[in-house]
Amino acid sequence: MSWMYDLSPTVHAASGTFEILGGLGLVLPAVTRRRTELVPLAAPGLAVVMVGAMVWHVDHGSFATTGPLNAVIMAAMLFVAWGRSRRAPLVARAA
């Protein structure tokens, strides 16, 4: 992952922050059963991060090696968003 050093510090920090917040938004509501509406919002947010990653890789000529993985992660996040919003929504714990 030497390409990470090609990112500007601002983009590196922003993408890392978005990925951490998105991961927490996927896991914590499911574990705690609080604010369960955040899961279907965090998943497409992570999909947007993957779109940004794909754009960056296309621009830097490394899409052939990392683009397919970004596309798979993006598809998985969209599947989670669909599943948790329509197919199997999480039920919040009673207050």
PDB file of N, CA and C in Angstrom:
ATOM      1  N   MET A   1       0.820  -1.190   0.000  1.00  0.00           N
ATOM      2  CA  MET A   1       0.000   0.000   0.000  1.00  0.00           C
ATOM      3  C   MET A   1       0.864   1.252   0.000  1.00  0.00           C
ATOM      4  N   SER A   2       1.918   1.214  -0.762  1.00  0.00           N
ATOM      5  CA  SER A   2       2.798   2.374  -0.845  1.00  0.00           C
ATOM      6  C   SER A   2       2.111   3.572  -1.487  1.00  0.00           C
ATOM      7  N   TRP A   3       1.022   3.324  -2.229  1.00  0.00           N
ATOM      8  CA  TRP A   3       0.298   4.424  -2.859  1.00  0.00           C
ATOM      9  C   TRP A   3      -0.318   5.371  -1.821  1.00  0.00           C
ATOM     10  N   MET A   4      -0.494   4.907  -0.593  1.00  0.00           N
ATOM     11  CA  MET A   4      -1.060   5.772   0.445  1.00  0.00           C
ATOM     12  C   MET A   4      -0.175   6.986   0.708  1.00  0.00           C
ATOM     13  N   TYR A   5       1.131   6.832   0.462  1.00  0.00           N
ATOM     14  CA  TYR A   5       2.044   7.949   0.688  1.00  0.00           C
ATOM     15  C   TYR A   5       1.934   9.005  -0.406  1.00  0.00           C
ATOM     16  N   ASP A   6       1.237   8.675  -1.501  1.00  0.00           N
ATOM     17  CA  ASP A   6       1.016   9.654  -2.563  1.00  0.00           C
ATOM     18  C   ASP A   6      -0.136  10.602  -2.253  1.00  0.00           C
ATOM     19  N   LEU A   7      -0.961  10.242  -1.282  1.00  0.00           N
ATOM     20  CA  LEU A   7      -2.080  11.112  -0.896  1.00  0.00           C
ATOM     21  C   LEU A   7      -1.566  12.334  -0.149  1.00  0.00           C
ATOM     22  N   SER A   8      -2.273  13.442  -0.334  1.00  0.00           N
ATOM     23  CA  SER A   8      -1.924  14.610   0.472  1.00  0.00           C
ATOM     24  C   SER A   8      -2.331  14.328   1.924  1.00  0.00           C
ATOM     25  N   PRO A   9      -1.696  14.966   2.872  1.00  0.00           N
ATOM     26  CA  PRO A   9      -2.064  14.724   4.278  1.00  0.00           C
ATOM     27  C   PRO A   9      -3.538  14.999   4.568  1.00  0.00           C
ATOM     28  N   THR A  10      -4.099  15.993   3.906  1.00  0.00           N
ATOM     29  CA  THR A  10      -5.512  16.315   4.125  1.00  0.00           C
ATOM     30  C   THR A  10      -6.415  15.194   3.632  1.00  0.00           C
ATOM     31  N   VAL A  11      -6.171  14.710   2.424  1.00  0.00           N
ATOM     32  CA  VAL A  11      -6.987  13.624   1.865  1.00  0.00           C
ATOM     33  C   VAL A  11      -6.782  12.353   2.675  1.00  0.00           C
ATOM     34  N   HIS A  12      -5.565  12.089   3.077  1.00  0.00           N
ATOM     35  CA  HIS A  12      -5.264  10.915   3.885  1.00  0.00           C
ATOM     36  C   HIS A  12      -6.044  10.965   5.205  1.00  0.00           C
ATOM     37  N   ALA A  13      -6.006  12.083   5.877  1.00  0.00           N
ATOM     38  CA  ALA A  13      -6.713  12.233   7.156  1.00  0.00           C
ATOM     39  C   ALA A  13      -8.228  12.168   6.964  1.00  0.00           C
ATOM     40  N   ALA A  14      -8.728  12.821   5.916  1.00  0.00           N
ATOM     41  CA  ALA A  14     -10.175  12.817   5.676  1.00  0.00           C
ATOM     42  C   ALA A  14     -10.676  11.417   5.345  1.00  0.00           C
ATOM     43  N   SER A  15      -9.985  10.718   4.456  1.00  0.00           N
ATOM     44  CA  SER A  15     -10.456   9.381   4.092  1.00  0.00           C
ATOM     45  C   SER A  15     -10.367   8.430   5.283  1.00  0.00           C
ATOM     46  N   GLY A  16      -9.314   8.544   6.068  1.00  0.00           N
ATOM     47  CA  GLY A  16      -9.198   7.715   7.259  1.00  0.00           C
ATOM     48  C   GLY A  16     -10.291   7.996   8.268  1.00  0.00           C
ATOM     49  N   THR A  17     -10.592   9.264   8.451  1.00  0.00           N
ATOM     50  CA  THR A  17     -11.667   9.648   9.378  1.00  0.00           C
ATOM     51  C   THR A  17     -13.012   9.126   8.909  1.00  0.00           C
ATOM     52  N   PHE A  18     -13.302   9.289   7.615  1.00  0.00           N
ATOM     53  CA  PHE A  18     -14.581   8.795   7.076  1.00  0.00           C
ATOM     54  C   PHE A  18     -14.686   7.281   7.191  1.00  0.00           C
ATOM     55  N   GLU A  19     -13.590   6.577   6.951  1.00  0.00           N
ATOM     56  CA  GLU A  19     -13.626   5.119   7.053  1.00  0.00           C
ATOM     57  C   GLU A  19     -13.828   4.670   8.499  1.00  0.00           C
ATOM     58  N   ILE A  20     -13.172   5.309   9.433  1.00  0.00           N
ATOM     59  CA  ILE A  20     -13.347   4.950  10.845  1.00  0.00           C
ATOM     60  C   ILE A  20     -14.771   5.248  11.306  1.00  0.00           C
ATOM     61  N   LEU A  21     -15.277   6.433  10.982  1.00  0.00           N
ATOM     62  CA  LEU A  21     -16.648   6.774  11.371  1.00  0.00           C
ATOM     63  C   LEU A  21     -17.665   5.853  10.710  1.00  0.00           C
ATOM     64  N   GLY A  22     -17.432   5.523   9.453  1.00  0.00           N
ATOM     65  CA  GLY A  22     -18.336   4.600   8.755  1.00  0.00           C
ATOM     66  C   GLY A  22     -18.320   3.218   9.381  1.00  0.00           C
ATOM     67  N   GLY A  23     -17.134   2.738   9.725  1.00  0.00           N
ATOM     68  CA  GLY A  23     -17.041   1.435  10.375  1.00  0.00           C
ATOM     69  C   GLY A  23     -17.737   1.427  11.726  1.00  0.00           C
ATOM     70  N   LEU A  24     -17.543   2.484  12.492  1.00  0.00           N
ATOM     71  CA  LEU A  24     -18.241   2.593  13.777  1.00  0.00           C
ATOM     72  C   LEU A  24     -19.747   2.681  13.570  1.00  0.00           C
ATOM     73  N   GLY A  25     -20.173   3.380  12.521  1.00  0.00           N
ATOM     74  CA  GLY A  25     -21.600   3.493  12.224  1.00  0.00           C
ATOM     75  C   GLY A  25     -22.222   2.181  11.788  1.00  0.00           C
ATOM     76  N   LEU A  26     -21.414   1.284  11.264  1.00  0.00           N
ATOM     77  CA  LEU A  26     -21.921  -0.045  10.910  1.00  0.00           C
ATOM     78  C   LEU A  26     -21.992  -0.968  12.121  1.00  0.00           C
ATOM     79  N   VAL A  27     -20.985  -0.905  12.975  1.00  0.00           N
ATOM     80  CA  VAL A  27     -20.853  -1.890  14.042  1.00  0.00           C
ATOM     81  C   VAL A  27     -21.579  -1.493  15.330  1.00  0.00           C
ATOM     82  N   LEU A  28     -21.337  -0.282  15.812  1.00  0.00           N
ATOM     83  CA  LEU A  28     -21.864   0.093  17.127  1.00  0.00           C
ATOM     84  C   LEU A  28     -23.393   0.042  17.232  1.00  0.00           C
ATOM     85  N   PRO A  29     -24.141   0.571  16.273  1.00  0.00           N
ATOM     86  CA  PRO A  29     -25.596   0.460  16.411  1.00  0.00           C
ATOM     87  C   PRO A  29     -26.091  -0.987  16.416  1.00  0.00           C
ATOM     88  N   ALA A  30     -25.429  -1.855  15.663  1.00  0.00           N
ATOM     89  CA  ALA A  30     -25.838  -3.251  15.645  1.00  0.00           C
ATOM     90  C   ALA A  30     -25.539  -3.938  16.973  1.00  0.00           C
ATOM     91  N   VAL A  31     -24.430  -3.599  17.578  1.00  0.00           N
ATOM     92  CA  VAL A  31     -24.037  -4.225  18.842  1.00  0.00           C
ATOM     93  C   VAL A  31     -24.864  -3.686  20.001  1.00  0.00           C
ATOM     94  N   THR A  32     -25.044  -2.375  20.047  1.00  0.00           N
ATOM     95  CA  THR A  32     -25.733  -1.760  21.187  1.00  0.00           C
ATOM     96  C   THR A  32     -27.250  -1.689  21.014  1.00  0.00           C
ATOM     97  N   ARG A  33     -27.720  -1.890  19.786  1.00  0.00           N
ATOM     98  CA  ARG A  33     -29.155  -1.752  19.460  1.00  0.00           C
ATOM     99  C   ARG A  33     -29.687  -0.357  19.791  1.00  0.00           C
ATOM    100  N   ARG A  34     -28.839   0.614  19.647  1.00  0.00           N
ATOM    101  CA  ARG A  34     -29.228   2.018  19.812  1.00  0.00           C
ATOM    102  C   ARG A  34     -28.857   2.751  18.540  1.00  0.00           C
ATOM    103  N   ARG A  35     -29.693   3.688  18.162  1.00  0.00           N
ATOM    104  CA  ARG A  35     -29.480   4.468  16.937  1.00  0.00           C
ATOM    105  C   ARG A  35     -29.301   3.550  15.719  1.00  0.00           C
ATOM    106  N   THR A  36     -30.153   2.546  15.620  1.00  0.00           N
ATOM    107  CA  THR A  36     -30.042   1.555  14.555  1.00  0.00           C
ATOM    108  C   THR A  36     -30.261   2.156  13.167  1.00  0.00           C
ATOM    109  N   GLU A  37     -30.843   3.314  13.101  1.00  0.00           N
ATOM    110  CA  GLU A  37     -31.050   3.972  11.802  1.00  0.00           C
ATOM    111  C   GLU A  37     -29.738   4.444  11.184  1.00  0.00           C
ATOM    112  N   LEU A  38     -28.659   4.433  11.962  1.00  0.00           N
ATOM    113  CA  LEU A  38     -27.363   4.860  11.436  1.00  0.00           C
ATOM    114  C   LEU A  38     -26.730   3.830  10.501  1.00  0.00           C
ATOM    115  N   VAL A  39     -27.060   2.558  10.668  1.00  0.00           N
ATOM    116  CA  VAL A  39     -26.433   1.525   9.830  1.00  0.00           C
ATOM    117  C   VAL A  39     -26.758   1.729   8.357  1.00  0.00           C
ATOM    118  N   PRO A  40     -28.035   1.926   7.969  1.00  0.00           N
ATOM    119  CA  PRO A  40     -28.308   2.145   6.547  1.00  0.00           C
ATOM    120  C   PRO A  40     -27.775   3.480   6.019  1.00  0.00           C
ATOM    121  N   LEU A  41     -27.336   4.354   6.899  1.00  0.00           N
ATOM    122  CA  LEU A  41     -26.715   5.605   6.462  1.00  0.00           C
ATOM    123  C   LEU A  41     -25.193   5.479   6.366  1.00  0.00           C
ATOM    124  N   ALA A  42     -24.601   4.714   7.256  1.00  0.00           N
ATOM    125  CA  ALA A  42     -23.144   4.538   7.257  1.00  0.00           C
ATOM    126  C   ALA A  42     -22.689   3.724   6.054  1.00  0.00           C
ATOM    127  N   ALA A  43     -23.467   2.722   5.676  1.00  0.00           N
ATOM    128  CA  ALA A  43     -23.066   1.855   4.567  1.00  0.00           C
ATOM    129  C   ALA A  43     -22.943   2.611   3.241  1.00  0.00           C
ATOM    130  N   PRO A  44     -23.935   3.411   2.827  1.00  0.00           N
ATOM    131  CA  PRO A  44     -23.726   4.166   1.588  1.00  0.00           C
ATOM    132  C   PRO A  44     -22.640   5.225   1.726  1.00  0.00           C
ATOM    133  N   GLY A  45     -22.428   5.718   2.936  1.00  0.00           N
ATOM    134  CA  GLY A  45     -21.324   6.648   3.143  1.00  0.00           C
ATOM    135  C   GLY A  45     -19.991   5.996   2.836  1.00  0.00           C
ATOM    136  N   LEU A  46     -19.820   4.748   3.264  1.00  0.00           N
ATOM    137  CA  LEU A  46     -18.602   4.018   2.943  1.00  0.00           C
ATOM    138  C   LEU A  46     -18.530   3.693   1.452  1.00  0.00           C
ATOM    139  N   ALA A  47     -19.680   3.472   0.823  1.00  0.00           N
ATOM    140  CA  ALA A  47     -19.687   3.243  -0.631  1.00  0.00           C
ATOM    141  C   ALA A  47     -19.190   4.487  -1.363  1.00  0.00           C
ATOM    142  N   VAL A  48     -19.554   5.657  -0.880  1.00  0.00           N
ATOM    143  CA  VAL A  48     -19.073   6.909  -1.479  1.00  0.00           C
ATOM    144  C   VAL A  48     -17.561   7.032  -1.306  1.00  0.00           C
ATOM    145  N   VAL A  49     -17.047   6.624  -0.158  1.00  0.00           N
ATOM    146  CA  VAL A  49     -15.606   6.633   0.054  1.00  0.00           C
ATOM    147  C   VAL A  49     -14.927   5.729  -0.970  1.00  0.00           C
ATOM    148  N   MET A  50     -15.538   4.578  -1.259  1.00  0.00           N
ATOM    149  CA  MET A  50     -14.963   3.655  -2.248  1.00  0.00           C
ATOM    150  C   MET A  50     -15.009   4.251  -3.657  1.00  0.00           C
ATOM    151  N   VAL A  51     -16.048   5.014  -3.970  1.00  0.00           N
ATOM    152  CA  VAL A  51     -16.092   5.700  -5.270  1.00  0.00           C
ATOM    153  C   VAL A  51     -14.942   6.689  -5.360  1.00  0.00           C
ATOM    154  N   GLY A  52     -14.721   7.422  -4.288  1.00  0.00           N
ATOM    155  CA  GLY A  52     -13.583   8.344  -4.261  1.00  0.00           C
ATOM    156  C   GLY A  52     -12.263   7.619  -4.430  1.00  0.00           C
ATOM    157  N   ALA A  53     -12.140   6.448  -3.808  1.00  0.00           N
ATOM    158  CA  ALA A  53     -10.914   5.660  -3.955  1.00  0.00           C
ATOM    159  C   ALA A  53     -10.733   5.198  -5.396  1.00  0.00           C
ATOM    160  N   MET A  54     -11.827   4.774  -6.024  1.00  0.00           N
ATOM    161  CA  MET A  54     -11.727   4.336  -7.419  1.00  0.00           C
ATOM    162  C   MET A  54     -11.325   5.481  -8.330  1.00  0.00           C
ATOM    163  N   VAL A  55     -11.896   6.651  -8.109  1.00  0.00           N
ATOM    164  CA  VAL A  55     -11.527   7.818  -8.912  1.00  0.00           C
ATOM    165  C   VAL A  55     -10.048   8.126  -8.728  1.00  0.00           C
ATOM    166  N   TRP A  56      -9.568   8.072  -7.498  1.00  0.00           N
ATOM    167  CA  TRP A  56      -8.163   8.353  -7.242  1.00  0.00           C
ATOM    168  C   TRP A  56      -7.269   7.328  -7.942  1.00  0.00           C
ATOM    169  N   HIS A  57      -7.644   6.062  -7.877  1.00  0.00           N
ATOM    170  CA  HIS A  57      -6.825   5.016  -8.503  1.00  0.00           C
ATOM    171  C   HIS A  57      -6.833   5.128 -10.032  1.00  0.00           C
ATOM    172  N   VAL A  58      -7.963   5.506 -10.613  1.00  0.00           N
ATOM    173  CA  VAL A  58      -7.998   5.715 -12.063  1.00  0.00           C
ATOM    174  C   VAL A  58      -7.068   6.856 -12.436  1.00  0.00           C
ATOM    175  N   ASP A  59      -7.126   7.923 -11.667  1.00  0.00           N
ATOM    176  CA  ASP A  59      -6.300   9.098 -11.939  1.00  0.00           C
ATOM    177  C   ASP A  59      -4.806   8.796 -11.810  1.00  0.00           C
ATOM    178  N   HIS A  60      -4.448   7.860 -10.944  1.00  0.00           N
ATOM    179  CA  HIS A  60      -3.039   7.556 -10.704  1.00  0.00           C
ATOM    180  C   HIS A  60      -2.574   6.259 -11.377  1.00  0.00           C
ATOM    181  N   GLY A  61      -3.410   5.683 -12.218  1.00  0.00           N
ATOM    182  CA  GLY A  61      -3.013   4.521 -13.000  1.00  0.00           C
ATOM    183  C   GLY A  61      -2.887   3.220 -12.237  1.00  0.00           C
ATOM    184  N   SER A  62      -3.492   3.131 -11.076  1.00  0.00           N
ATOM    185  CA  SER A  62      -3.396   1.894 -10.296  1.00  0.00           C
ATOM    186  C   SER A  62      -4.747   1.201 -10.148  1.00  0.00           C
ATOM    187  N   PHE A  63      -5.682   1.540 -11.016  1.00  0.00           N
ATOM    188  CA  PHE A  63      -7.023   0.970 -10.905  1.00  0.00           C
ATOM    189  C   PHE A  63      -7.034  -0.536 -11.160  1.00  0.00           C
ATOM    190  N   ALA A  64      -6.177  -1.002 -12.038  1.00  0.00           N
ATOM    191  CA  ALA A  64      -6.175  -2.428 -12.379  1.00  0.00           C
ATOM    192  C   ALA A  64      -5.870  -3.299 -11.170  1.00  0.00           C
ATOM    193  N   THR A  65      -5.074  -2.814 -10.244  1.00  0.00           N
ATOM    194  CA  THR A  65      -4.706  -3.631  -9.089  1.00  0.00           C
ATOM    195  C   THR A  65      -5.636  -3.440  -7.903  1.00  0.00           C
ATOM    196  N   THR A  66      -6.170  -2.253  -7.710  1.00  0.00           N
ATOM    197  CA  THR A  66      -6.983  -1.992  -6.511  1.00  0.00           C
ATOM    198  C   THR A  66      -8.443  -1.691  -6.813  1.00  0.00           C
ATOM    199  N   GLY A  67      -8.749  -1.338  -8.036  1.00  0.00           N
ATOM    200  CA  GLY A  67     -10.120  -0.991  -8.394  1.00  0.00           C
ATOM    201  C   GLY A  67     -11.132  -2.091  -8.172  1.00  0.00           C
ATOM    202  N   PRO A  68     -10.820  -3.336  -8.560  1.00  0.00           N
ATOM    203  CA  PRO A  68     -11.799  -4.395  -8.322  1.00  0.00           C
ATOM    204  C   PRO A  68     -12.140  -4.584  -6.844  1.00  0.00           C
ATOM    205  N   LEU A  69     -11.163  -4.469  -5.971  1.00  0.00           N
ATOM    206  CA  LEU A  69     -11.433  -4.587  -4.541  1.00  0.00           C
ATOM    207  C   LEU A  69     -12.322  -3.440  -4.065  1.00  0.00           C
ATOM    208  N   ASN A  70     -12.048  -2.235  -4.538  1.00  0.00           N
ATOM    209  CA  ASN A  70     -12.902  -1.098  -4.190  1.00  0.00           C
ATOM    210  C   ASN A  70     -14.330  -1.320  -4.674  1.00  0.00           C
ATOM    211  N   ALA A  71     -14.482  -1.885  -5.857  1.00  0.00           N
ATOM    212  CA  ALA A  71     -15.818  -2.147  -6.403  1.00  0.00           C
ATOM    213  C   ALA A  71     -16.550  -3.205  -5.581  1.00  0.00           C
ATOM    214  N   VAL A  72     -15.843  -4.226  -5.133  1.00  0.00           N
ATOM    215  CA  VAL A  72     -16.461  -5.265  -4.306  1.00  0.00           C
ATOM    216  C   VAL A  72     -16.894  -4.688  -2.960  1.00  0.00           C
ATOM    217  N   ILE A  73     -16.045  -3.886  -2.351  1.00  0.00           N
ATOM    218  CA  ILE A  73     -16.402  -3.269  -1.065  1.00  0.00           C
ATOM    219  C   ILE A  73     -17.587  -2.326  -1.241  1.00  0.00           C
ATOM    220  N   MET A  74     -17.588  -1.554  -2.331  1.00  0.00           N
ATOM    221  CA  MET A  74     -18.706  -0.656  -2.590  1.00  0.00           C
ATOM    222  C   MET A  74     -20.006  -1.444  -2.757  1.00  0.00           C
ATOM    223  N   ALA A  75     -19.971  -2.531  -3.518  1.00  0.00           N
ATOM    224  CA  ALA A  75     -21.160  -3.360  -3.708  1.00  0.00           C
ATOM    225  C   ALA A  75     -21.626  -3.961  -2.384  1.00  0.00           C
ATOM    226  N   ALA A  76     -20.681  -4.396  -1.555  1.00  0.00           N
ATOM    227  CA  ALA A  76     -21.049  -4.956  -0.251  1.00  0.00           C
ATOM    228  C   ALA A  76     -21.718  -3.900   0.626  1.00  0.00           C
ATOM    229  N   MET A  77     -21.210  -2.680   0.605  1.00  0.00           N
ATOM    230  CA  MET A  77     -21.804  -1.620   1.414  1.00  0.00           C
ATOM    231  C   MET A  77     -23.206  -1.272   0.915  1.00  0.00           C
ATOM    232  N   LEU A  78     -23.407  -1.269  -0.386  1.00  0.00           N
ATOM    233  CA  LEU A  78     -24.745  -0.998  -0.926  1.00  0.00           C
ATOM    234  C   LEU A  78     -25.699  -2.139  -0.572  1.00  0.00           C
ATOM    235  N   PHE A  79     -25.187  -3.366  -0.557  1.00  0.00           N
ATOM    236  CA  PHE A  79     -25.999  -4.507  -0.142  1.00  0.00           C
ATOM    237  C   PHE A  79     -26.390  -4.386   1.331  1.00  0.00           C
ATOM    238  N   VAL A  80     -25.455  -3.996   2.170  1.00  0.00           N
ATOM    239  CA  VAL A  80     -25.748  -3.804   3.599  1.00  0.00           C
ATOM    240  C   VAL A  80     -26.783  -2.693   3.768  1.00  0.00           C
ATOM    241  N   ALA A  81     -26.621  -1.612   3.030  1.00  0.00           N
ATOM    242  CA  ALA A  81     -27.588  -0.511   3.121  1.00  0.00           C
ATOM    243  C   ALA A  81     -28.987  -0.986   2.740  1.00  0.00           C
ATOM    244  N   TRP A  82     -29.085  -1.740   1.654  1.00  0.00           N
ATOM    245  CA  TRP A  82     -30.380  -2.271   1.238  1.00  0.00           C
ATOM    246  C   TRP A  82     -30.922  -3.246   2.283  1.00  0.00           C
ATOM    247  N   GLY A  83     -30.072  -4.152   2.727  1.00  0.00           N
ATOM    248  CA  GLY A  83     -30.509  -5.173   3.664  1.00  0.00           C
ATOM    249  C   GLY A  83     -30.981  -4.604   4.989  1.00  0.00           C
ATOM    250  N   ARG A  84     -30.243  -3.628   5.508  1.00  0.00           N
ATOM    251  CA  ARG A  84     -30.605  -3.059   6.808  1.00  0.00           C
ATOM    252  C   ARG A  84     -31.698  -2.005   6.724  1.00  0.00           C
ATOM    253  N   SER A  85     -32.009  -1.544   5.523  1.00  0.00           N
ATOM    254  CA  SER A  85     -33.109  -0.583   5.409  1.00  0.00           C
ATOM    255  C   SER A  85     -34.403  -1.253   4.956  1.00  0.00           C
ATOM    256  N   ARG A  86     -34.312  -2.328   4.159  1.00  0.00           N
ATOM    257  CA  ARG A  86     -35.519  -2.943   3.596  1.00  0.00           C
ATOM    258  C   ARG A  86     -35.719  -4.395   4.019  1.00  0.00           C
ATOM    259  N   ARG A  87     -34.701  -5.194   3.881  1.00  0.00           N
ATOM    260  CA  ARG A  87     -34.849  -6.643   4.049  1.00  0.00           C
ATOM    261  C   ARG A  87     -34.859  -7.081   5.509  1.00  0.00           C
ATOM    262  N   ALA A  88     -33.907  -6.628   6.288  1.00  0.00           N
ATOM    263  CA  ALA A  88     -33.777  -7.059   7.693  1.00  0.00           C
ATOM    264  C   ALA A  88     -33.327  -5.879   8.560  1.00  0.00           C
ATOM    265  N   PRO A  89     -34.213  -4.902   8.765  1.00  0.00           N
ATOM    266  CA  PRO A  89     -33.817  -3.757   9.586  1.00  0.00           C
ATOM    267  C   PRO A  89     -33.520  -4.163  11.032  1.00  0.00           C
ATOM    268  N   LEU A  90     -32.567  -3.484  11.616  1.00  0.00           N
ATOM    269  CA  LEU A  90     -32.273  -3.720  13.037  1.00  0.00           C
ATOM    270  C   LEU A  90     -33.383  -3.106  13.880  1.00  0.00           C
ATOM    271  N   VAL A  91     -33.715  -3.784  14.943  1.00  0.00           N
ATOM    272  CA  VAL A  91     -34.738  -3.279  15.857  1.00  0.00           C
ATOM    273  C   VAL A  91     -34.026  -2.663  17.053  1.00  0.00           C
ATOM    274  N   ALA A  92     -34.384  -1.432  17.360  1.00  0.00           N
ATOM    275  CA  ALA A  92     -33.778  -0.731  18.487  1.00  0.00           C
ATOM    276  C   ALA A  92     -34.235  -1.337  19.801  1.00  0.00           C
ATOM    277  N   ARG A  93     -33.353  -1.304  20.770  1.00  0.00           N
ATOM    278  CA  ARG A  93     -33.681  -1.783  22.107  1.00  0.00           C
ATOM    279  C   ARG A  93     -34.699  -0.835  22.732  1.00  0.00           C
ATOM    280  N   ALA A  94     -35.619  -1.381  23.478  1.00  0.00           N
ATOM    281  CA  ALA A  94     -36.625  -0.564  24.148  1.00  0.00           C
ATOM    282  C   ALA A  94     -35.967   0.337  25.177  1.00  0.00           C
ATOM    283  N   ALA A  95     -36.442   1.560  25.267  1.00  0.00           N
ATOM    284  CA  ALA A  95     -35.833   2.541  26.179  1.00  0.00           C
ATOM    285  C   ALA A  95     -36.164   2.270  27.612  1.00  0.00           C
TER     286      ALA A  95
END
